[in-house]
Amino acid sequence: QKIRTRRGKASGGSSDSNMGRKDS
């Protein structure tokens, strides 16, 4: 949960949920 939120912020912020899931 923490990692996906942090990565999402660096990736785009609004897509933290979508991108975080793919990145994870």
N, C-alpha and C. Protein backbone atom coordinates (compact mmCIF):
# COMPACT_ATOMS: atom_id res chain seq x y z
N GLN A 1 0.85 -1.20 0.00
CA GLN A 1 0.00 0.00 0.00
C GLN A 1 0.88 1.25 0.00
N LYS A 2 1.90 1.24 0.85
CA LYS A 2 2.77 2.43 0.93
C LYS A 2 3.60 2.57 -0.36
N ILE A 3 4.13 1.49 -0.82
CA ILE A 3 4.99 1.55 -2.03
C ILE A 3 4.18 2.02 -3.24
N ARG A 4 3.00 1.44 -3.42
CA ARG A 4 2.20 1.81 -4.61
C ARG A 4 1.83 3.30 -4.54
N THR A 5 1.60 3.81 -3.37
CA THR A 5 1.23 5.24 -3.25
C THR A 5 2.46 6.11 -3.57
N ARG A 6 3.60 5.71 -3.10
CA ARG A 6 4.83 6.51 -3.30
C ARG A 6 5.19 6.46 -4.79
N ARG A 7 5.19 5.31 -5.37
CA ARG A 7 5.55 5.18 -6.80
C ARG A 7 4.52 5.96 -7.63
N GLY A 8 3.27 5.83 -7.30
CA GLY A 8 2.22 6.52 -8.06
C GLY A 8 2.47 8.02 -8.06
N LYS A 9 2.89 8.54 -6.93
CA LYS A 9 3.12 10.00 -6.84
C LYS A 9 4.25 10.39 -7.82
N ALA A 10 5.30 9.62 -7.85
CA ALA A 10 6.44 9.94 -8.72
C ALA A 10 6.06 9.69 -10.18
N SER A 11 5.17 8.76 -10.39
CA SER A 11 4.77 8.43 -11.77
C SER A 11 3.79 9.47 -12.31
N GLY A 12 2.80 9.82 -11.50
CA GLY A 12 1.81 10.79 -12.01
C GLY A 12 0.99 11.35 -10.86
N GLY A 13 0.79 10.55 -9.81
CA GLY A 13 0.01 11.07 -8.68
C GLY A 13 -1.45 10.65 -8.82
N SER A 14 -2.08 11.09 -9.88
CA SER A 14 -3.50 10.75 -10.07
C SER A 14 -3.63 9.27 -10.45
N SER A 15 -2.60 8.75 -11.09
CA SER A 15 -2.64 7.33 -11.53
C SER A 15 -1.86 6.47 -10.54
N ASP A 16 -1.72 6.92 -9.32
CA ASP A 16 -0.95 6.15 -8.33
C ASP A 16 -1.57 4.76 -8.15
N SER A 17 -2.89 4.70 -8.18
CA SER A 17 -3.57 3.40 -7.98
C SER A 17 -3.35 2.51 -9.20
N ASN A 18 -3.51 3.07 -10.37
CA ASN A 18 -3.36 2.28 -11.60
C ASN A 18 -1.89 1.93 -11.85
N MET A 19 -1.04 2.91 -11.81
CA MET A 19 0.37 2.68 -12.09
C MET A 19 1.01 1.86 -10.95
N GLY A 20 0.69 2.23 -9.73
CA GLY A 20 1.26 1.51 -8.58
C GLY A 20 0.99 0.02 -8.70
N ARG A 21 -0.19 -0.32 -9.16
CA ARG A 21 -0.54 -1.77 -9.27
C ARG A 21 0.35 -2.40 -10.34
N LYS A 22 0.51 -1.75 -11.45
CA LYS A 22 1.31 -2.32 -12.56
C LYS A 22 2.79 -2.40 -12.11
N ASP A 23 3.25 -1.35 -11.51
CA ASP A 23 4.66 -1.31 -11.07
C ASP A 23 4.91 -2.40 -10.04
N SER A 24 3.93 -2.58 -9.16
CA SER A 24 4.10 -3.57 -8.08
C SER A 24 4.11 -4.95 -8.71
